[in-house]
Amino acid sequence: MGECLSGRESYVRLNSTHSRKKSFKHGVPQGGVLSPKLFILFIDDMVKDLGPEVEVSLFADDLAVWVHYNMKTRKNVRDSCSWRLGR
């Protein structure tokens, strides 16, 4: 499994011009047989940890997030979400 997710690189080609290669440390490979399942496992764990003030809607590979807060709790909610998302 680790081999499928490590050492991935990509570049953009437009006509005969190529960009520099970019390494990917996060995410799942596009077009892979396991990619949809890996994405669901990743995103499902992430949204479980967001907290009661955060609502999400998932459909295929789309994720919508909204947060309920008032002016008194805005900073606490923002800090809590940032911490849970690792930012």
N, C-alpha and C. Protein backbone atom coordinates (compact mmCIF):
# COMPACT_ATOMS: atom_id res chain seq x y z
N MET A 1 0.83 -1.19 0.00
CA MET A 1 0.00 0.00 0.00
C MET A 1 0.88 1.25 0.00
N GLY A 2 1.93 1.27 0.81
CA GLY A 2 2.80 2.44 0.89
C GLY A 2 3.44 2.79 -0.44
N GLU A 3 3.77 1.79 -1.22
CA GLU A 3 4.39 2.04 -2.52
C GLU A 3 3.45 2.77 -3.46
N CYS A 4 2.17 2.52 -3.32
CA CYS A 4 1.17 3.15 -4.18
C CYS A 4 1.02 4.63 -3.86
N LEU A 5 1.35 5.03 -2.62
CA LEU A 5 1.12 6.41 -2.18
C LEU A 5 2.39 7.24 -2.08
N SER A 6 3.57 6.64 -2.23
CA SER A 6 4.81 7.40 -2.09
C SER A 6 5.52 7.53 -3.44
N GLY A 7 6.38 8.53 -3.52
CA GLY A 7 7.18 8.74 -4.72
C GLY A 7 6.39 9.18 -5.94
N ARG A 8 5.26 9.87 -5.73
CA ARG A 8 4.45 10.31 -6.86
C ARG A 8 4.87 11.70 -7.30
N GLU A 9 4.93 11.88 -8.60
CA GLU A 9 5.28 13.17 -9.20
C GLU A 9 4.34 13.45 -10.36
N SER A 10 4.23 14.73 -10.68
CA SER A 10 3.39 15.12 -11.80
C SER A 10 3.96 16.38 -12.44
N TYR A 11 3.57 16.62 -13.66
CA TYR A 11 3.94 17.85 -14.35
C TYR A 11 2.85 18.21 -15.33
N VAL A 12 2.89 19.45 -15.80
CA VAL A 12 1.91 19.93 -16.77
C VAL A 12 2.60 20.09 -18.11
N ARG A 13 1.93 19.63 -19.16
CA ARG A 13 2.48 19.79 -20.51
C ARG A 13 1.47 20.58 -21.34
N LEU A 14 1.96 21.62 -22.00
CA LEU A 14 1.15 22.41 -22.92
C LEU A 14 1.92 22.48 -24.23
N ASN A 15 1.39 21.81 -25.24
CA ASN A 15 2.09 21.67 -26.52
C ASN A 15 3.44 21.03 -26.28
N SER A 16 4.53 21.72 -26.57
CA SER A 16 5.86 21.12 -26.37
C SER A 16 6.55 21.65 -25.11
N THR A 17 5.85 22.40 -24.28
CA THR A 17 6.43 22.96 -23.06
C THR A 17 5.99 22.15 -21.85
N HIS A 18 6.97 21.82 -20.99
CA HIS A 18 6.69 21.05 -19.78
C HIS A 18 7.03 21.89 -18.55
N SER A 19 6.21 21.77 -17.52
CA SER A 19 6.54 22.40 -16.24
C SER A 19 7.56 21.53 -15.51
N ARG A 20 8.07 22.04 -14.40
CA ARG A 20 8.93 21.22 -13.55
C ARG A 20 8.07 20.18 -12.84
N LYS A 21 8.67 19.05 -12.49
CA LYS A 21 7.94 18.01 -11.77
C LYS A 21 7.66 18.48 -10.34
N LYS A 22 6.52 18.08 -9.84
CA LYS A 22 6.09 18.41 -8.48
C LYS A 22 5.81 17.10 -7.75
N SER A 23 6.39 16.93 -6.57
CA SER A 23 6.14 15.74 -5.76
C SER A 23 4.87 15.92 -4.95
N PHE A 24 4.16 14.83 -4.74
CA PHE A 24 2.94 14.84 -3.94
C PHE A 24 3.18 14.09 -2.64
N LYS A 25 2.92 14.74 -1.52
CA LYS A 25 3.06 14.09 -0.22
C LYS A 25 1.70 13.69 0.35
N HIS A 26 0.63 14.26 -0.17
CA HIS A 26 -0.71 14.01 0.36
C HIS A 26 -1.65 13.63 -0.78
N GLY A 27 -2.78 13.07 -0.42
CA GLY A 27 -3.79 12.74 -1.41
C GLY A 27 -3.64 11.33 -1.93
N VAL A 28 -4.49 11.00 -2.86
CA VAL A 28 -4.47 9.66 -3.47
C VAL A 28 -4.30 9.81 -4.97
N PRO A 29 -3.68 8.82 -5.62
CA PRO A 29 -3.46 8.91 -7.06
C PRO A 29 -4.77 8.92 -7.84
N GLN A 30 -4.86 9.76 -8.84
CA GLN A 30 -6.04 9.78 -9.68
C GLN A 30 -6.00 8.60 -10.64
N GLY A 31 -7.15 7.99 -10.86
CA GLY A 31 -7.24 6.92 -11.83
C GLY A 31 -6.84 5.56 -11.30
N GLY A 32 -6.36 5.49 -10.06
CA GLY A 32 -5.99 4.20 -9.50
C GLY A 32 -7.21 3.41 -9.08
N VAL A 33 -7.10 2.10 -9.08
CA VAL A 33 -8.21 1.24 -8.70
C VAL A 33 -8.60 1.47 -7.24
N LEU A 34 -7.62 1.69 -6.39
CA LEU A 34 -7.88 1.90 -4.96
C LEU A 34 -8.20 3.35 -4.61
N SER A 35 -8.02 4.26 -5.51
CA SER A 35 -8.15 5.69 -5.20
C SER A 35 -9.50 6.08 -4.60
N PRO A 36 -10.63 5.67 -5.16
CA PRO A 36 -11.91 6.06 -4.54
C PRO A 36 -12.05 5.56 -3.11
N LYS A 37 -11.65 4.33 -2.85
CA LYS A 37 -11.75 3.78 -1.49
C LYS A 37 -10.80 4.51 -0.54
N LEU A 38 -9.58 4.77 -0.97
CA LEU A 38 -8.62 5.49 -0.13
C LEU A 38 -9.11 6.89 0.18
N PHE A 39 -9.70 7.55 -0.81
CA PHE A 39 -10.22 8.90 -0.59
C PHE A 39 -11.35 8.88 0.44
N ILE A 40 -12.25 7.92 0.32
CA ILE A 40 -13.37 7.82 1.26
C ILE A 40 -12.85 7.55 2.68
N LEU A 41 -11.89 6.66 2.81
CA LEU A 41 -11.32 6.38 4.14
C LEU A 41 -10.67 7.63 4.73
N PHE A 42 -9.92 8.35 3.92
CA PHE A 42 -9.23 9.55 4.38
C PHE A 42 -10.24 10.63 4.78
N ILE A 43 -11.17 10.93 3.91
CA ILE A 43 -12.09 12.03 4.14
C ILE A 43 -13.06 11.70 5.27
N ASP A 44 -13.46 10.44 5.39
CA ASP A 44 -14.37 10.03 6.45
C ASP A 44 -13.74 10.24 7.83
N ASP A 45 -12.48 9.85 7.98
CA ASP A 45 -11.79 10.08 9.25
C ASP A 45 -11.63 11.56 9.55
N MET A 46 -11.36 12.34 8.53
CA MET A 46 -11.16 13.77 8.73
C MET A 46 -12.45 14.44 9.21
N VAL A 47 -13.57 14.15 8.59
CA VAL A 47 -14.80 14.84 8.95
C VAL A 47 -15.35 14.39 10.30
N LYS A 48 -15.01 13.19 10.75
CA LYS A 48 -15.45 12.73 12.07
C LYS A 48 -14.83 13.58 13.18
N ASP A 49 -13.66 14.12 12.95
CA ASP A 49 -12.93 14.86 13.97
C ASP A 49 -13.19 16.36 13.96
N LEU A 50 -14.08 16.85 13.15
CA LEU A 50 -14.26 18.29 13.02
C LEU A 50 -15.03 18.93 14.16
N GLY A 51 -15.88 18.22 14.82
CA GLY A 51 -16.58 18.77 15.97
C GLY A 51 -18.04 19.07 15.70
N PRO A 52 -18.79 19.32 16.77
CA PRO A 52 -20.24 19.48 16.66
C PRO A 52 -20.69 20.76 15.96
N GLU A 53 -19.85 21.77 15.93
CA GLU A 53 -20.24 23.03 15.29
C GLU A 53 -20.02 23.01 13.78
N VAL A 54 -19.44 21.93 13.27
CA VAL A 54 -19.12 21.82 11.85
C VAL A 54 -20.03 20.77 11.21
N GLU A 55 -20.66 21.15 10.11
CA GLU A 55 -21.47 20.20 9.34
C GLU A 55 -20.80 20.00 7.98
N VAL A 56 -20.93 18.79 7.47
CA VAL A 56 -20.34 18.48 6.17
C VAL A 56 -21.35 17.75 5.31
N SER A 57 -21.14 17.85 4.03
CA SER A 57 -21.91 17.09 3.05
C SER A 57 -20.92 16.47 2.09
N LEU A 58 -20.98 15.14 1.96
CA LEU A 58 -20.07 14.41 1.08
C LEU A 58 -20.86 13.78 -0.06
N PHE A 59 -20.33 13.91 -1.26
CA PHE A 59 -20.89 13.21 -2.41
C PHE A 59 -19.74 12.89 -3.35
N ALA A 60 -19.49 11.61 -3.56
CA ALA A 60 -18.37 11.16 -4.40
C ALA A 60 -17.09 11.79 -3.89
N ASP A 61 -16.44 12.63 -4.70
CA ASP A 61 -15.19 13.26 -4.25
C ASP A 61 -15.39 14.74 -3.93
N ASP A 62 -16.62 15.15 -3.67
CA ASP A 62 -16.91 16.54 -3.31
C ASP A 62 -17.19 16.63 -1.82
N LEU A 63 -16.67 17.67 -1.21
CA LEU A 63 -16.87 17.91 0.21
C LEU A 63 -17.28 19.35 0.41
N ALA A 64 -18.41 19.57 1.06
CA ALA A 64 -18.84 20.92 1.44
C ALA A 64 -18.82 20.99 2.96
N VAL A 65 -18.32 22.09 3.49
CA VAL A 65 -18.19 22.27 4.94
C VAL A 65 -18.81 23.60 5.32
N TRP A 66 -19.61 23.61 6.39
CA TRP A 66 -20.10 24.87 6.92
C TRP A 66 -20.04 24.81 8.44
N VAL A 67 -19.87 25.98 9.04
CA VAL A 67 -19.65 26.09 10.47
C VAL A 67 -20.70 27.01 11.07
N HIS A 68 -21.23 26.60 12.22
CA HIS A 68 -22.20 27.41 12.95
C HIS A 68 -21.48 28.11 14.10
N TYR A 69 -21.61 29.41 14.17
CA TYR A 69 -20.99 30.16 15.26
C TYR A 69 -21.73 31.48 15.43
N ASN A 70 -21.44 32.13 16.53
CA ASN A 70 -21.92 33.50 16.73
C ASN A 70 -20.70 34.36 17.01
N MET A 71 -20.89 35.63 17.16
CA MET A 71 -19.75 36.53 17.32
C MET A 71 -18.95 36.22 18.59
N LYS A 72 -19.60 35.70 19.63
CA LYS A 72 -18.89 35.37 20.86
C LYS A 72 -18.01 34.13 20.71
N THR A 73 -18.43 33.19 19.87
CA THR A 73 -17.70 31.92 19.75
C THR A 73 -16.86 31.82 18.48
N ARG A 74 -16.86 32.86 17.65
CA ARG A 74 -16.19 32.78 16.35
C ARG A 74 -14.72 32.39 16.47
N LYS A 75 -13.95 33.06 17.32
CA LYS A 75 -12.51 32.76 17.44
C LYS A 75 -12.29 31.34 17.95
N ASN A 76 -13.06 30.91 18.95
CA ASN A 76 -12.90 29.55 19.48
C ASN A 76 -13.20 28.50 18.42
N VAL A 77 -14.26 28.72 17.65
CA VAL A 77 -14.61 27.76 16.59
C VAL A 77 -13.52 27.73 15.54
N ARG A 78 -13.03 28.89 15.11
CA ARG A 78 -11.96 28.94 14.10
C ARG A 78 -10.72 28.22 14.61
N ASP A 79 -10.29 28.51 15.84
CA ASP A 79 -9.10 27.88 16.38
C ASP A 79 -9.27 26.37 16.51
N SER A 80 -10.45 25.94 16.93
CA SER A 80 -10.73 24.52 17.09
C SER A 80 -10.68 23.80 15.74
N CYS A 81 -11.29 24.39 14.73
CA CYS A 81 -11.28 23.77 13.39
C CYS A 81 -9.86 23.73 12.83
N SER A 82 -9.11 24.80 13.02
CA SER A 82 -7.73 24.83 12.52
C SER A 82 -6.89 23.75 13.20
N TRP A 83 -7.07 23.59 14.51
CA TRP A 83 -6.31 22.58 15.24
C TRP A 83 -6.68 21.19 14.76
N ARG A 84 -7.97 20.94 14.58
CA ARG A 84 -8.41 19.60 14.15
C ARG A 84 -7.94 19.27 12.75
N LEU A 85 -7.81 20.30 11.90
CA LEU A 85 -7.35 20.07 10.53
C LEU A 85 -5.84 20.11 10.42
N GLY A 86 -5.16 20.38 11.53
CA GLY A 86 -3.70 20.38 11.53
C GLY A 86 -3.08 21.59 10.90
N ARG A 87 -3.74 22.75 11.02
CA ARG A 87 -3.20 23.98 10.41
C ARG A 87 -2.87 24.98 11.46
